[in-house]
Amino acid sequence: MTVRSATRRLIVAAVAGLLAVTLAPAVPAHAASANPLVGGWGLYTGQWDRTYPTYRQAKGRKKRLFAKVALQPHAAWFTSPDIPKLVNNLGEYIRNTQHGNPDALVQFALFRQWPHGEKRRNVPLTPQEQAAYRDWIDTAARVIGRSRTMIILEPDLALDSPGRSRPRTADPAVRLSLVRYAAQRLSSLPRTTVYLEAGSPDWLRAPAATRLLVSAGVRYTRGFALGGTHHTSVHADLRYAARIVARLGRAGYPAKHAVLDTADNGHPFTYQQYRRRHSHQSFLTPVSCKRKAQRLCVTLGAPPTTNPAAYRRKLGLNRVEIARLHGFVDAFVWVGRPWRGDNGRNFSPRRLLQEASTTPFQ
C-alpha cells in the first residue's frame, strides 16, 4: 500500500466516523442487541436546519462552539400537514443523515396532532381531518420504509391528558385513537423504533401519564420519551420514568423502555420555577444562559448517547439512578432544539453560541 493510498483511507475513515457516530452500548455486551438504538447514529449535514452549514462556515472559537451541536446527532421535527412537503423533506433528511449507510440511525419527531395549532386545541377534528392525519402517517411510513429510524411520536401528547390548570382538548379519545393508529403503523416498519412522548414530571403525574400512554398505543411501541418540551433534571426524569415503567408493567405492558431528552437541561428547572422568575417570558422559548453560573435558563445538557451511565459523575447520579439507567433507559437523545428561537421555528446562531459556551458538558 502506498503512502498516498494509506492517507486516503485514513481520511475516508475519519469522514465516515463523523457522519455515523458510533455510540458505546448502554447495557452489558451480551445484552446489547436488546437495545435497538445501539450502533451507528447518523449525522444530518444538509441545508435544511442550517446547523451544520453554519458550523462549516464558521472559524476559530465560533466553529468550536457550533460543533457542540452540529456534530451531535439530534432529531428534526416534521410538522407540516402538506404531504408533498413531508415526502420531500423527510426523504432528504434520511438521505443526508445516512449518507448511503443503511445502518446509520436517523432520529426525528413527528408532530401532527394539532392541525389548527395548540392554541386551538379545543376545536374538534372533522372526519376529513382525521382521515388526513392517517394519510400523513401512512405517507411517512412509506418514505421511511426499511430505513433505520428512531421516532418520537407526538411531542406535547400530554395536552390530551386533562388537568386542573388547562382546558381539556376537544375529543381527546378521537385524537388518541389517531396517535394509536400512528404508533401501530410506524412500529410495524422493520427497522423503526417508536417512543411515545410522555411529557415531564413537572407536567403530569405518573398515573395520568400511564393512562395517556396506554390510550395512545404504548403496547405497539418500544416505550416512551421524556423531556422533549420541558427542562427537568435527569434525576427527576429517572424517578418519573421508573414510576411509569412500573405502572405500565402492572397494567399488562411490561419491559417498556425510555429515552430522555437532554438537549436543554444542562441547568435544569421546572415549569413552575421558570414562571416564578420569568413571568414575562414565554416558556416556549426560554431565555438562554449567558453565563456559566446563571440558572433558570437554558443550556445544553448531557450529549446524546446509548451509554448514559458515562455521565453518572457529571450528573451526580446515585446507585439507584445508575441502576435505572441500565434497567430501562435506552439513550439520552437530543429532541428539544433549544438553539432555535420562536418556539423552534427559526435557527438562532446567537442562542446556539450562548448555550454552547455555558454548558457544563463537553
Protein backbone atom coordinates (compact mmCIF):
# COMPACT_ATOMS: atom_id res chain seq x y z
CA MET A 1 0.00 0.00 0.00
CA THR A 2 1.40 3.41 -0.95
CA VAL A 3 1.64 6.29 1.49
CA ARG A 4 -0.91 8.20 -0.63
CA SER A 5 -3.47 5.37 -0.56
CA ALA A 6 -2.97 4.86 3.17
CA THR A 7 -3.56 8.57 3.76
CA ARG A 8 -6.68 8.45 1.60
CA ARG A 9 -8.04 5.54 3.64
CA LEU A 10 -7.43 7.42 6.88
CA ILE A 11 -9.33 10.45 5.54
CA VAL A 12 -12.25 8.29 4.42
CA ALA A 13 -12.37 6.60 7.81
CA ALA A 14 -12.36 9.95 9.59
CA VAL A 15 -15.22 11.27 7.45
CA ALA A 16 -17.19 8.07 8.00
CA GLY A 17 -16.70 8.43 11.72
CA LEU A 18 -18.08 11.96 11.57
CA LEU A 19 -21.15 11.06 9.54
CA ALA A 20 -22.12 7.95 11.50
CA VAL A 21 -21.34 8.44 15.16
CA THR A 22 -20.82 5.04 16.79
CA LEU A 23 -22.01 5.07 20.36
CA ALA A 24 -21.00 2.69 23.12
CA PRO A 25 -23.52 0.10 24.35
CA ALA A 26 -25.78 1.25 27.15
CA VAL A 27 -26.02 -2.29 28.54
CA PRO A 28 -23.56 -5.15 29.02
CA ALA A 29 -22.15 -6.51 25.76
CA HIS A 30 -24.06 -9.80 26.00
CA ALA A 31 -27.37 -7.90 26.06
CA ALA A 32 -26.51 -5.04 23.69
CA SER A 33 -28.80 -6.38 20.96
CA ALA A 34 -31.78 -5.76 23.25
CA ASN A 35 -31.37 -2.02 22.72
CA PRO A 36 -32.34 -1.17 19.13
CA LEU A 37 -30.59 2.21 19.32
CA VAL A 38 -27.13 0.76 19.88
CA GLY A 39 -24.89 1.18 16.85
CA GLY A 40 -24.07 3.97 14.43
CA TRP A 41 -26.08 7.17 14.69
CA GLY A 42 -26.28 9.26 11.54
CA LEU A 43 -25.44 12.96 11.48
CA TYR A 44 -27.55 15.31 9.37
CA THR A 45 -25.35 17.52 7.18
CA GLY A 46 -27.92 19.05 4.86
CA GLN A 47 -29.05 22.65 4.46
CA TRP A 48 -32.49 22.34 5.98
CA ASP A 49 -31.93 23.22 9.66
CA ARG A 50 -28.83 25.41 8.98
CA THR A 51 -26.92 23.97 11.94
CA TYR A 52 -24.29 22.00 10.05
CA PRO A 53 -23.76 24.58 7.26
CA THR A 54 -23.27 27.30 9.88
CA TYR A 55 -20.65 25.15 11.61
CA ARG A 56 -18.84 24.52 8.31
CA GLN A 57 -18.66 28.23 7.52
CA ALA A 58 -17.54 29.34 10.99
CA LYS A 59 -13.96 29.81 12.13
CA GLY A 60 -11.99 29.79 15.36
CA ARG A 61 -13.87 29.84 18.65
CA LYS A 62 -17.27 30.08 16.96
CA LYS A 63 -16.56 26.94 14.96
CA ARG A 64 -15.65 25.04 18.13
CA LEU A 65 -18.86 26.20 19.80
CA PHE A 66 -21.06 25.43 16.80
CA ALA A 67 -19.51 21.96 16.71
CA LYS A 68 -21.06 21.16 20.10
CA VAL A 69 -24.43 20.98 18.35
CA ALA A 70 -23.63 20.43 14.68
CA LEU A 71 -21.53 17.33 15.34
CA GLN A 72 -24.03 15.75 17.72
CA PRO A 73 -26.90 13.63 16.35
CA HIS A 74 -30.15 15.42 17.08
CA ALA A 75 -33.74 14.99 16.00
CA ALA A 76 -35.57 17.10 13.45
CA TRP A 77 -39.29 17.76 13.87
CA PHE A 78 -41.69 17.11 11.00
CA THR A 79 -44.89 19.08 11.42
CA SER A 80 -46.15 20.42 8.10
CA PRO A 81 -49.55 18.99 7.09
CA ASP A 82 -48.54 19.30 3.43
CA ILE A 83 -47.93 15.75 2.21
CA PRO A 84 -45.67 16.60 -0.78
CA LYS A 85 -43.52 18.68 1.58
CA LEU A 86 -43.38 15.76 4.02
CA VAL A 87 -42.25 13.43 1.23
CA ASN A 88 -39.51 15.81 0.07
CA ASN A 89 -38.27 16.91 3.48
CA LEU A 90 -38.34 13.54 5.22
CA GLY A 91 -36.72 11.81 2.24
CA GLU A 92 -33.99 14.45 2.07
CA TYR A 93 -33.43 14.24 5.80
CA ILE A 94 -32.97 10.48 5.73
CA ARG A 95 -30.58 10.64 2.77
CA ASN A 96 -28.46 13.41 4.28
CA THR A 97 -28.30 11.63 7.63
CA GLN A 98 -27.43 8.15 6.43
CA HIS A 99 -25.09 9.19 3.60
CA GLY A 100 -25.55 5.85 1.90
CA ASN A 101 -25.09 3.83 5.10
CA PRO A 102 -28.37 1.93 5.72
CA ASP A 103 -27.29 1.09 9.28
CA ALA A 104 -26.94 4.73 10.39
CA LEU A 105 -29.79 5.62 12.76
CA VAL A 106 -31.98 8.55 11.71
CA GLN A 107 -33.78 10.36 14.54
CA PHE A 108 -36.80 12.63 14.28
CA ALA A 109 -40.10 13.63 15.85
CA LEU A 110 -43.50 13.51 14.16
CA PHE A 111 -45.77 16.30 15.40
CA ARG A 112 -49.05 16.38 13.51
CA GLN A 113 -51.79 16.15 16.12
CA TRP A 114 -52.80 19.82 16.09
CA PRO A 115 -53.84 20.94 12.59
CA HIS A 116 -55.24 24.19 13.99
CA GLY A 117 -52.28 24.76 16.34
CA GLU A 118 -52.13 24.04 20.04
CA LYS A 119 -53.83 27.29 20.97
CA ARG A 120 -56.97 25.97 19.26
CA ARG A 121 -56.80 22.51 20.74
CA ASN A 122 -60.46 22.74 21.71
CA VAL A 123 -61.51 22.69 18.04
CA PRO A 124 -62.83 19.19 17.25
CA LEU A 125 -61.26 17.32 14.37
CA THR A 126 -63.54 16.82 11.41
CA PRO A 127 -63.78 13.40 9.74
CA GLN A 128 -61.75 14.84 6.87
CA GLU A 129 -59.00 15.99 9.25
CA GLN A 130 -58.91 12.59 10.91
CA ALA A 131 -58.50 10.93 7.51
CA ALA A 132 -55.79 13.47 6.64
CA TYR A 133 -53.85 12.51 9.78
CA ARG A 134 -53.93 8.83 8.85
CA ASP A 135 -52.88 9.64 5.29
CA TRP A 136 -49.99 11.73 6.64
CA ILE A 137 -48.80 8.88 8.85
CA ASP A 138 -49.15 6.37 6.01
CA THR A 139 -47.07 8.65 3.80
CA ALA A 140 -44.36 8.99 6.45
CA ALA A 141 -44.29 5.20 6.79
CA ARG A 142 -43.85 4.76 3.04
CA VAL A 143 -40.99 7.27 2.94
CA ILE A 144 -39.25 5.59 5.90
CA GLY A 145 -39.65 2.09 4.51
CA ARG A 146 -36.70 -0.04 5.62
CA SER A 147 -34.60 2.90 6.86
CA ARG A 148 -33.24 2.53 10.39
CA THR A 149 -35.07 5.20 12.35
CA MET A 150 -35.99 6.34 15.85
CA ILE A 151 -39.24 8.28 16.08
CA ILE A 152 -40.50 10.42 18.96
CA LEU A 153 -44.23 10.36 18.32
CA GLU A 154 -46.32 13.44 19.04
CA PRO A 155 -44.41 15.78 21.37
CA ASP A 156 -46.91 17.53 23.62
CA LEU A 157 -49.11 14.45 23.68
CA ALA A 158 -49.65 15.33 27.34
CA LEU A 159 -52.06 18.06 26.25
CA ASP A 160 -54.59 15.26 25.78
CA SER A 161 -54.45 14.47 29.49
CA PRO A 162 -56.97 16.60 31.42
CA GLY A 163 -55.58 18.79 34.17
CA ARG A 164 -56.84 21.44 36.55
CA SER A 165 -54.62 24.19 35.17
CA ARG A 166 -55.60 23.92 31.50
CA PRO A 167 -58.70 23.21 29.44
CA ARG A 168 -59.19 19.75 28.14
CA THR A 169 -58.67 19.19 24.43
CA ALA A 170 -61.65 18.61 22.22
CA ASP A 171 -62.42 14.93 21.66
CA PRO A 172 -59.28 13.53 23.35
CA ALA A 173 -60.46 9.98 22.64
CA VAL A 174 -60.50 10.77 18.91
CA ARG A 175 -57.06 12.34 18.97
CA LEU A 176 -55.61 9.47 20.99
CA SER A 177 -57.14 6.95 18.61
CA LEU A 178 -55.24 8.67 15.80
CA VAL A 179 -51.98 8.55 17.76
CA ARG A 180 -52.67 4.88 18.47
CA TYR A 181 -53.04 4.32 14.72
CA ALA A 182 -49.70 6.06 14.17
CA ALA A 183 -47.99 4.04 16.90
CA GLN A 184 -49.14 0.77 15.36
CA ARG A 185 -48.43 1.78 11.76
CA LEU A 186 -44.94 3.13 12.39
CA SER A 187 -43.93 0.36 14.80
CA SER A 188 -44.76 -2.19 12.09
CA LEU A 189 -41.86 -0.90 9.98
CA PRO A 190 -38.95 -3.37 10.05
CA ARG A 191 -36.20 -1.01 11.30
CA THR A 192 -38.13 1.70 13.11
CA THR A 193 -38.23 2.21 16.88
CA VAL A 194 -41.05 4.36 18.25
CA TYR A 195 -41.27 6.17 21.59
CA LEU A 196 -44.46 7.98 22.60
CA GLU A 197 -43.86 11.34 24.24
CA ALA A 198 -44.95 11.21 27.90
CA GLY A 199 -44.30 14.78 28.98
CA SER A 200 -42.25 15.61 32.05
CA PRO A 201 -42.51 15.24 35.84
CA ASP A 202 -43.39 18.93 36.21
CA TRP A 203 -46.35 18.43 33.88
CA LEU A 204 -48.08 15.11 34.58
CA ARG A 205 -48.11 12.66 37.44
CA ALA A 206 -47.15 9.07 36.67
CA PRO A 207 -50.73 7.66 36.92
CA ALA A 208 -52.01 10.19 34.37
CA ALA A 209 -49.01 9.64 32.10
CA THR A 210 -49.53 5.89 32.23
CA ARG A 211 -53.21 6.16 31.30
CA LEU A 212 -52.27 8.50 28.46
CA LEU A 213 -49.63 6.13 27.10
CA VAL A 214 -51.97 3.15 27.23
CA SER A 215 -54.66 5.09 25.35
CA ALA A 216 -52.11 6.31 22.79
CA GLY A 217 -50.90 2.81 21.92
CA VAL A 218 -47.80 2.19 24.00
CA ARG A 219 -48.47 -1.53 23.52
CA TYR A 220 -47.11 -1.17 19.97
CA THR A 221 -44.02 0.89 20.80
CA ARG A 222 -40.65 0.36 22.42
CA GLY A 223 -41.73 2.72 25.17
CA PHE A 224 -41.86 6.44 25.83
CA ALA A 225 -39.81 9.63 25.69
CA LEU A 226 -39.46 12.34 28.32
CA GLY A 227 -38.48 15.99 28.27
CA GLY A 228 -38.99 16.95 24.65
CA THR A 229 -40.54 20.31 25.55
CA HIS A 230 -39.55 20.78 29.22
CA HIS A 231 -36.25 21.17 31.06
CA THR A 232 -36.41 18.99 34.16
CA SER A 233 -33.35 17.23 35.58
CA VAL A 234 -32.18 13.74 34.74
CA HIS A 235 -32.77 12.88 38.43
CA ALA A 236 -36.44 13.91 38.21
CA ASP A 237 -36.91 12.24 34.83
CA LEU A 238 -35.49 8.95 36.13
CA ARG A 239 -37.85 8.92 39.11
CA TYR A 240 -40.78 9.75 36.85
CA ALA A 241 -39.78 7.13 34.26
CA ALA A 242 -39.38 4.45 36.93
CA ARG A 243 -42.92 5.07 38.17
CA ILE A 244 -44.32 4.93 34.65
CA VAL A 245 -42.44 1.71 33.81
CA ALA A 246 -43.73 0.09 36.98
CA ARG A 247 -47.32 1.18 36.34
CA LEU A 248 -47.19 0.06 32.72
CA GLY A 249 -45.98 -3.34 33.92
CA ARG A 250 -48.88 -3.65 36.33
CA ALA A 251 -51.26 -2.62 33.52
CA GLY A 252 -50.04 -5.50 31.37
CA TYR A 253 -47.33 -3.76 29.37
CA PRO A 254 -44.05 -4.94 30.92
CA ALA A 255 -40.46 -4.17 29.94
CA LYS A 256 -41.12 -0.80 28.36
CA HIS A 257 -38.10 1.45 27.87
CA ALA A 258 -37.49 5.18 27.79
CA VAL A 259 -35.32 7.78 26.14
CA LEU A 260 -34.57 11.03 27.96
CA ASP A 261 -34.14 14.33 26.16
CA THR A 262 -31.05 16.09 27.48
CA ALA A 263 -30.63 18.76 24.81
CA ASP A 264 -31.67 21.61 27.06
CA ASN A 265 -31.33 20.64 30.73
CA GLY A 266 -27.70 21.44 31.42
CA HIS A 267 -29.06 23.69 34.20
CA PRO A 268 -32.43 22.01 34.84
CA PHE A 269 -35.55 23.75 36.06
CA THR A 270 -39.28 23.11 36.25
CA TYR A 271 -42.05 25.00 34.51
CA GLN A 272 -43.21 26.37 37.86
CA GLN A 273 -39.72 27.65 38.78
CA TYR A 274 -39.33 29.34 35.42
CA ARG A 275 -42.70 31.08 35.58
CA ARG A 276 -41.92 32.50 39.02
CA ARG A 277 -38.65 34.01 37.77
CA HIS A 278 -39.62 34.90 34.19
CA SER A 279 -43.33 35.65 34.32
CA HIS A 280 -42.96 38.00 31.33
CA GLN A 281 -41.09 35.43 29.19
CA SER A 282 -42.58 32.65 27.11
CA PHE A 283 -41.80 29.14 28.32
CA LEU A 284 -41.95 28.02 24.68
CA THR A 285 -38.63 29.77 24.02
CA PRO A 286 -36.95 30.12 27.43
CA VAL A 287 -34.08 32.53 27.87
CA SER A 288 -30.64 31.12 27.10
CA CYS A 289 -27.90 31.13 29.71
CA LYS A 290 -25.36 33.87 29.13
CA ARG A 291 -23.00 32.91 31.96
CA LYS A 292 -21.99 29.50 33.27
CA ALA A 293 -23.12 30.44 36.77
CA GLN A 294 -26.56 31.62 35.62
CA ARG A 295 -29.57 29.47 36.49
CA LEU A 296 -33.24 29.23 35.43
CA CYS A 297 -32.09 29.48 31.84
CA VAL A 298 -31.43 27.04 29.01
CA THR A 299 -28.07 25.50 28.20
CA LEU A 300 -27.01 22.24 26.57
CA GLY A 301 -27.24 19.09 28.66
CA ALA A 302 -25.51 15.71 28.51
CA PRO A 303 -24.61 14.74 24.92
CA PRO A 304 -26.72 12.08 23.22
CA THR A 305 -25.56 8.52 23.80
CA THR A 306 -26.67 4.94 24.39
CA ASN A 307 -24.24 4.87 27.31
CA PRO A 308 -25.85 7.45 29.61
CA ALA A 309 -24.12 6.00 32.67
CA ALA A 310 -20.92 7.51 31.29
CA TYR A 311 -22.21 10.83 32.68
CA ARG A 312 -23.04 9.48 36.12
CA ARG A 313 -20.34 11.53 37.88
CA LYS A 314 -21.03 14.72 35.98
CA LEU A 315 -24.73 14.35 36.74
CA GLY A 316 -24.15 13.24 40.33
CA LEU A 317 -26.22 10.08 39.96
CA ASN A 318 -26.55 7.64 42.85
CA ARG A 319 -26.59 3.85 42.64
CA VAL A 320 -30.35 3.59 42.30
CA GLU A 321 -30.33 6.08 39.43
CA ILE A 322 -27.49 4.27 37.68
CA ALA A 323 -29.40 1.00 38.01
CA ARG A 324 -32.41 2.69 36.41
CA LEU A 325 -30.25 3.86 33.51
CA HIS A 326 -29.10 0.31 32.89
CA GLY A 327 -32.54 -1.13 33.52
CA PHE A 328 -34.85 0.78 31.21
CA VAL A 329 -33.19 3.86 29.63
CA ASP A 330 -32.17 3.20 26.03
CA ALA A 331 -30.44 6.53 25.49
CA PHE A 332 -30.03 10.20 26.13
CA VAL A 333 -31.29 11.90 22.97
CA TRP A 334 -31.48 15.48 21.72
CA VAL A 335 -35.10 16.00 20.69
CA GLY A 336 -35.56 19.51 22.03
CA ARG A 337 -33.77 22.14 19.95
CA PRO A 338 -33.01 24.96 22.38
CA TRP A 339 -30.75 26.72 19.90
CA ARG A 340 -33.82 27.56 17.81
CA GLY A 341 -35.88 30.66 18.59
CA ASP A 342 -39.58 31.43 18.14
CA ASN A 343 -40.73 28.13 19.64
CA GLY A 344 -38.34 26.12 17.49
CA ARG A 345 -39.28 27.72 14.19
CA ASN A 346 -36.06 29.60 13.47
CA PHE A 347 -32.40 28.69 13.77
CA SER A 348 -30.62 31.20 16.03
CA PRO A 349 -26.80 31.27 15.87
CA ARG A 350 -26.83 33.64 18.84
CA ARG A 351 -28.78 31.22 21.04
CA LEU A 352 -26.57 28.33 19.98
CA LEU A 353 -23.38 30.21 20.86
CA GLN A 354 -24.77 31.21 24.26
CA GLU A 355 -25.83 27.67 25.11
CA ALA A 356 -22.66 26.07 23.79
CA SER A 357 -20.46 28.44 25.80
CA THR A 358 -22.33 27.89 29.10
CA THR A 359 -22.96 24.13 29.10
CA PRO A 360 -21.33 22.17 31.94
CA PHE A 361 -20.84 19.29 29.49
CA GLN A 362 -18.36 18.77 26.66
